[in-house]
């Protein structure tokens, strides 16, 4: 599952199915120990991507 490639803007928003993190088009990108941890990771990734997008528009 790990391919060590960075996420691209098209991969967002990151979604969660159980304990797996998925790209916006449903490709698995990671597996967490628990569904709660997966949700937390996805939230953080999505918030970071949102901030980066806002910074691009405000620059």
PDB file of N, CA and C in Angstrom:
ATOM      1  N   UNK A   1       0.818  -1.189   0.000  1.00  0.00           N
ATOM      2  CA  UNK A   1       0.000   0.000   0.000  1.00  0.00           C
ATOM      3  C   UNK A   1       0.863   1.255   0.000  1.00  0.00           C
ATOM      4  N   UNK A   2       2.016   1.231   0.606  1.00  0.00           N
ATOM      5  CA  UNK A   2       2.883   2.399   0.663  1.00  0.00           C
ATOM      6  C   UNK A   2       3.727   2.482  -0.597  1.00  0.00           C
ATOM      7  N   UNK A   3       3.589   3.598  -1.308  1.00  0.00           N
ATOM      8  CA  UNK A   3       4.410   3.776  -2.500  1.00  0.00           C
ATOM      9  C   UNK A   3       5.339   4.968  -2.339  1.00  0.00           C
ATOM     10  N   UNK A   4       5.320   5.605  -1.185  1.00  0.00           N
ATOM     11  CA  UNK A   4       6.211   6.711  -0.830  1.00  0.00           C
ATOM     12  C   UNK A   4       6.150   7.881  -1.805  1.00  0.00           C
ATOM     13  N   UNK A   5       5.069   8.024  -2.538  1.00  0.00           N
ATOM     14  CA  UNK A   5       4.889   9.170  -3.423  1.00  0.00           C
ATOM     15  C   UNK A   5       4.109  10.237  -2.659  1.00  0.00           C
ATOM     16  N   UNK A   6       4.468  11.508  -2.851  1.00  0.00           N
ATOM     17  CA  UNK A   6       3.721  12.564  -2.160  1.00  0.00           C
ATOM     18  C   UNK A   6       2.296  12.670  -2.708  1.00  0.00           C
ATOM     19  N   UNK A   7       1.396  13.121  -1.861  1.00  0.00           N
ATOM     20  CA  UNK A   7       0.022  13.331  -2.298  1.00  0.00           C
ATOM     21  C   UNK A   7      -0.039  14.547  -3.210  1.00  0.00           C
ATOM     22  N   UNK A   8      -0.907  14.476  -4.199  1.00  0.00           N
ATOM     23  CA  UNK A   8      -1.099  15.574  -5.141  1.00  0.00           C
ATOM     24  C   UNK A   8      -2.421  16.268  -4.809  1.00  0.00           C
ATOM     25  N   UNK A   9      -2.603  17.500  -5.258  1.00  0.00           N
ATOM     26  CA  UNK A   9      -3.861  18.206  -4.984  1.00  0.00           C
ATOM     27  C   UNK A   9      -5.098  17.412  -5.404  1.00  0.00           C
ATOM     28  N   UNK A  10      -5.003  16.644  -6.481  1.00  0.00           N
ATOM     29  CA  UNK A  10      -6.154  15.850  -6.932  1.00  0.00           C
ATOM     30  C   UNK A  10      -6.500  14.713  -5.976  1.00  0.00           C
ATOM     31  N   UNK A  11      -5.599  14.370  -5.061  1.00  0.00           N
ATOM     32  CA  UNK A  11      -5.845  13.291  -4.108  1.00  0.00           C
ATOM     33  C   UNK A  11      -6.767  13.721  -2.968  1.00  0.00           C
ATOM     34  N   UNK A  12      -7.002  15.025  -2.841  1.00  0.00           N
ATOM     35  CA  UNK A  12      -7.790  15.549  -1.731  1.00  0.00           C
ATOM     36  C   UNK A  12      -9.229  15.771  -2.149  1.00  0.00           C
ATOM     37  N   UNK A  13     -10.164  15.710  -1.197  1.00  0.00           N
ATOM     38  CA  UNK A  13      -9.947  15.441   0.215  1.00  0.00           C
ATOM     39  C   UNK A  13      -9.678  13.959   0.468  1.00  0.00           C
ATOM     40  N   UNK A  14      -8.844  13.715   1.463  1.00  0.00           N
ATOM     41  CA  UNK A  14      -8.557  12.346   1.887  1.00  0.00           C
ATOM     42  C   UNK A  14      -9.796  11.836   2.619  1.00  0.00           C
ATOM     43  N   UNK A  15     -10.197  10.619   2.316  1.00  0.00           N
ATOM     44  CA  UNK A  15     -11.381  10.022   2.921  1.00  0.00           C
ATOM     45  C   UNK A  15     -10.984   8.808   3.746  1.00  0.00           C
ATOM     46  N   UNK A  16     -11.900   8.370   4.603  1.00  0.00           N
ATOM     47  CA  UNK A  16     -11.633   7.237   5.486  1.00  0.00           C
ATOM     48  C   UNK A  16     -12.698   6.170   5.289  1.00  0.00           C
ATOM     49  N   UNK A  17     -12.241   4.929   5.189  1.00  0.00           N
ATOM     50  CA  UNK A  17     -13.131   3.770   5.187  1.00  0.00           C
ATOM     51  C   UNK A  17     -12.589   2.805   6.222  1.00  0.00           C
ATOM     52  N   UNK A  18     -13.226   2.777   7.376  1.00  0.00           N
ATOM     53  CA  UNK A  18     -12.727   1.943   8.472  1.00  0.00           C
ATOM     54  C   UNK A  18     -11.404   2.482   8.961  1.00  0.00           C
ATOM     55  N   UNK A  19     -10.346   1.672   8.850  1.00  0.00           N
ATOM     56  CA  UNK A  19      -9.024   2.130   9.287  1.00  0.00           C
ATOM     57  C   UNK A  19      -8.123   2.490   8.103  1.00  0.00           C
ATOM     58  N   UNK A  20      -8.705   2.580   6.896  1.00  0.00           N
ATOM     59  CA  UNK A  20      -7.921   2.910   5.702  1.00  0.00           C
ATOM     60  C   UNK A  20      -8.167   4.341   5.252  1.00  0.00           C
ATOM     61  N   UNK A  21      -7.082   4.999   4.851  1.00  0.00           N
ATOM     62  CA  UNK A  21      -7.170   6.330   4.268  1.00  0.00           C
ATOM     63  C   UNK A  21      -7.155   6.173   2.759  1.00  0.00           C
ATOM     64  N   UNK A  22      -8.043   6.908   2.088  1.00  0.00           N
ATOM     65  CA  UNK A  22      -8.196   6.793   0.645  1.00  0.00           C
ATOM     66  C   UNK A  22      -8.120   8.172   0.004  1.00  0.00           C
ATOM     67  N   UNK A  23      -7.634   8.200  -1.234  1.00  0.00           N
ATOM     68  CA  UNK A  23      -7.649   9.448  -1.991  1.00  0.00           C
ATOM     69  C   UNK A  23      -9.095   9.760  -2.373  1.00  0.00           C
ATOM     70  N   UNK A  24      -9.307  10.938  -2.927  1.00  0.00           N
ATOM     71  CA  UNK A  24     -10.653  11.348  -3.332  1.00  0.00           C
ATOM     72  C   UNK A  24     -11.265  10.393  -4.355  1.00  0.00           C
ATOM     73  N   UNK A  25     -10.425   9.742  -5.154  1.00  0.00           N
ATOM     74  CA  UNK A  25     -10.955   8.799  -6.144  1.00  0.00           C
ATOM     75  C   UNK A  25     -10.954   7.350  -5.654  1.00  0.00           C
ATOM     76  N   UNK A  26     -10.753   7.153  -4.352  1.00  0.00           N
ATOM     77  CA  UNK A  26     -10.905   5.829  -3.759  1.00  0.00           C
ATOM     78  C   UNK A  26      -9.685   4.939  -3.727  1.00  0.00           C
ATOM     79  N   UNK A  27      -8.515   5.463  -4.073  1.00  0.00           N
ATOM     80  CA  UNK A  27      -7.302   4.647  -4.030  1.00  0.00           C
ATOM     81  C   UNK A  27      -6.750   4.633  -2.604  1.00  0.00           C
ATOM     82  N   UNK A  28      -6.439   3.444  -2.062  1.00  0.00           N
ATOM     83  CA  UNK A  28      -5.890   3.377  -0.700  1.00  0.00           C
ATOM     84  C   UNK A  28      -4.490   3.983  -0.637  1.00  0.00           C
ATOM     85  N   UNK A  29      -4.246   4.774   0.426  1.00  0.00           N
ATOM     86  CA  UNK A  29      -2.928   5.395   0.579  1.00  0.00           C
ATOM     87  C   UNK A  29      -2.255   5.033   1.891  1.00  0.00           C
ATOM     88  N   UNK A  30      -3.043   4.604   2.883  1.00  0.00           N
ATOM     89  CA  UNK A  30      -2.444   4.240   4.170  1.00  0.00           C
ATOM     90  C   UNK A  30      -3.464   3.483   5.003  1.00  0.00           C
ATOM     91  N   UNK A  31      -2.944   2.797   6.015  1.00  0.00           N
ATOM     92  CA  UNK A  31      -3.799   2.085   6.952  1.00  0.00           C
ATOM     93  C   UNK A  31      -3.366   2.483   8.355  1.00  0.00           C
ATOM     94  N   UNK A  32      -4.324   2.857   9.190  1.00  0.00           N
ATOM     95  CA  UNK A  32      -4.045   3.260  10.566  1.00  0.00           C
ATOM     96  C   UNK A  32      -4.356   2.100  11.512  1.00  0.00           C
ATOM     97  N   UNK A  33      -3.916   2.254  12.759  1.00  0.00           N
ATOM     98  CA  UNK A  33      -4.172   1.196  13.742  1.00  0.00           C
ATOM     99  C   UNK A  33      -5.652   1.072  14.075  1.00  0.00           C
ATOM    100  N   UNK A  34      -6.352   2.219  14.104  1.00  0.00           N
ATOM    101  CA  UNK A  34      -7.777   2.209  14.438  1.00  0.00           C
ATOM    102  C   UNK A  34      -8.518   3.185  13.526  1.00  0.00           C
ATOM    103  N   UNK A  35      -9.828   3.020  13.401  1.00  0.00           N
ATOM    104  CA  UNK A  35     -10.610   3.982  12.622  1.00  0.00           C
ATOM    105  C   UNK A  35     -10.521   5.409  13.178  1.00  0.00           C
ATOM    106  N   UNK A  36     -10.452   5.557  14.499  1.00  0.00           N
ATOM    107  CA  UNK A  36     -10.334   6.894  15.097  1.00  0.00           C
ATOM    108  C   UNK A  36      -9.034   7.575  14.681  1.00  0.00           C
ATOM    109  N   UNK A  37      -7.953   6.825  14.663  1.00  0.00           N
ATOM    110  CA  UNK A  37      -6.662   7.386  14.247  1.00  0.00           C
ATOM    111  C   UNK A  37      -6.718   7.743  12.760  1.00  0.00           C
ATOM    112  N   UNK A  38      -7.332   6.895  11.956  1.00  0.00           N
ATOM    113  CA  UNK A  38      -7.466   7.182  10.526  1.00  0.00           C
ATOM    114  C   UNK A  38      -8.240   8.477  10.316  1.00  0.00           C
ATOM    115  N   UNK A  39      -9.310   8.674  11.066  1.00  0.00           N
ATOM    116  CA  UNK A  39     -10.118   9.893  10.972  1.00  0.00           C
ATOM    117  C   UNK A  39      -9.287  11.113  11.345  1.00  0.00           C
ATOM    118  N   UNK A  40      -8.499  11.000  12.412  1.00  0.00           N
ATOM    119  CA  UNK A  40      -7.656  12.115  12.857  1.00  0.00           C
ATOM    120  C   UNK A  40      -6.610  12.462  11.790  1.00  0.00           C
ATOM    121  N   UNK A  41      -5.986  11.453  11.224  1.00  0.00           N
ATOM    122  CA  UNK A  41      -4.973  11.683  10.184  1.00  0.00           C
ATOM    123  C   UNK A  41      -5.612  12.364   8.970  1.00  0.00           C
ATOM    124  N   UNK A  42      -6.756  11.866   8.539  1.00  0.00           N
ATOM    125  CA  UNK A  42      -7.437  12.453   7.378  1.00  0.00           C
ATOM    126  C   UNK A  42      -7.811  13.907   7.647  1.00  0.00           C
ATOM    127  N   UNK A  43      -8.331  14.186   8.837  1.00  0.00           N
ATOM    128  CA  UNK A  43      -8.688  15.565   9.187  1.00  0.00           C
ATOM    129  C   UNK A  43      -7.477  16.477   9.112  1.00  0.00           C
ATOM    130  N   UNK A  44      -6.365  16.023   9.654  1.00  0.00           N
ATOM    131  CA  UNK A  44      -5.150  16.846   9.648  1.00  0.00           C
ATOM    132  C   UNK A  44      -4.633  17.073   8.224  1.00  0.00           C
ATOM    133  N   UNK A  45      -4.621  16.025   7.426  1.00  0.00           N
ATOM    134  CA  UNK A  45      -4.166  16.166   6.036  1.00  0.00           C
ATOM    135  C   UNK A  45      -5.069  17.119   5.254  1.00  0.00           C
ATOM    136  N   UNK A  46      -6.371  16.975   5.438  1.00  0.00           N
ATOM    137  CA  UNK A  46      -7.310  17.828   4.713  1.00  0.00           C
ATOM    138  C   UNK A  46      -7.212  19.282   5.165  1.00  0.00           C
ATOM    139  N   UNK A  47      -7.034  19.511   6.471  1.00  0.00           N
ATOM    140  CA  UNK A  47      -6.875  20.878   6.975  1.00  0.00           C
ATOM    141  C   UNK A  47      -5.600  21.508   6.424  1.00  0.00           C
ATOM    142  N   UNK A  48      -4.520  20.736   6.383  1.00  0.00           N
ATOM    143  CA  UNK A  48      -3.254  21.249   5.861  1.00  0.00           C
ATOM    144  C   UNK A  48      -3.389  21.597   4.375  1.00  0.00           C
ATOM    145  N   UNK A  49      -4.034  20.727   3.620  1.00  0.00           N
ATOM    146  CA  UNK A  49      -4.236  20.995   2.197  1.00  0.00           C
ATOM    147  C   UNK A  49      -5.096  22.240   2.003  1.00  0.00           C
ATOM    148  N   UNK A  50      -6.127  22.408   2.814  1.00  0.00           N
ATOM    149  CA  UNK A  50      -6.994  23.582   2.715  1.00  0.00           C
ATOM    150  C   UNK A  50      -6.200  24.858   2.974  1.00  0.00           C
ATOM    151  N   UNK A  51      -5.353  24.839   4.008  1.00  0.00           N
ATOM    152  CA  UNK A  51      -4.523  26.013   4.318  1.00  0.00           C
ATOM    153  C   UNK A  51      -3.571  26.330   3.161  1.00  0.00           C
ATOM    154  N   UNK A  52      -2.960  25.314   2.599  1.00  0.00           N
ATOM    155  CA  UNK A  52      -2.052  25.541   1.465  1.00  0.00           C
ATOM    156  C   UNK A  52      -2.798  26.156   0.285  1.00  0.00           C
ATOM    157  N   UNK A  53      -3.993  25.668   0.025  1.00  0.00           N
ATOM    158  CA  UNK A  53      -4.797  26.200  -1.078  1.00  0.00           C
ATOM    159  C   UNK A  53      -5.158  27.663  -0.817  1.00  0.00           C
ATOM    160  N   UNK A  54      -5.530  27.987   0.419  1.00  0.00           N
ATOM    161  CA  UNK A  54      -5.859  29.372   0.766  1.00  0.00           C
ATOM    162  C   UNK A  54      -4.643  30.278   0.605  1.00  0.00           C
ATOM    163  N   UNK A  55      -3.480  29.794   0.999  1.00  0.00           N
ATOM    164  CA  UNK A  55      -2.253  30.585   0.868  1.00  0.00           C
ATOM    165  C   UNK A  55      -1.915  30.851  -0.596  1.00  0.00           C
ATOM    166  N   UNK A  56      -2.171  29.877  -1.456  1.00  0.00           N
ATOM    167  CA  UNK A  56      -1.917  30.068  -2.886  1.00  0.00           C
ATOM    168  C   UNK A  56      -2.785  31.182  -3.457  1.00  0.00           C
ATOM    169  N   UNK A  57      -4.038  31.222  -3.011  1.00  0.00           N
ATOM    170  CA  UNK A  57      -4.956  32.229  -3.540  1.00  0.00           C
ATOM    171  C   UNK A  57      -4.690  33.608  -2.957  1.00  0.00           C
ATOM    172  N   UNK A  58      -4.165  33.677  -1.745  1.00  0.00           N
ATOM    173  CA  UNK A  58      -3.954  34.979  -1.102  1.00  0.00           C
ATOM    174  C   UNK A  58      -2.600  35.591  -1.444  1.00  0.00           C
ATOM    175  N   UNK A  59      -1.722  34.820  -2.044  1.00  0.00           N
ATOM    176  CA  UNK A  59      -0.375  35.332  -2.354  1.00  0.00           C
ATOM    177  C   UNK A  59      -0.359  36.217  -3.575  1.00  0.00           C
TER     178      UNK A  59
END
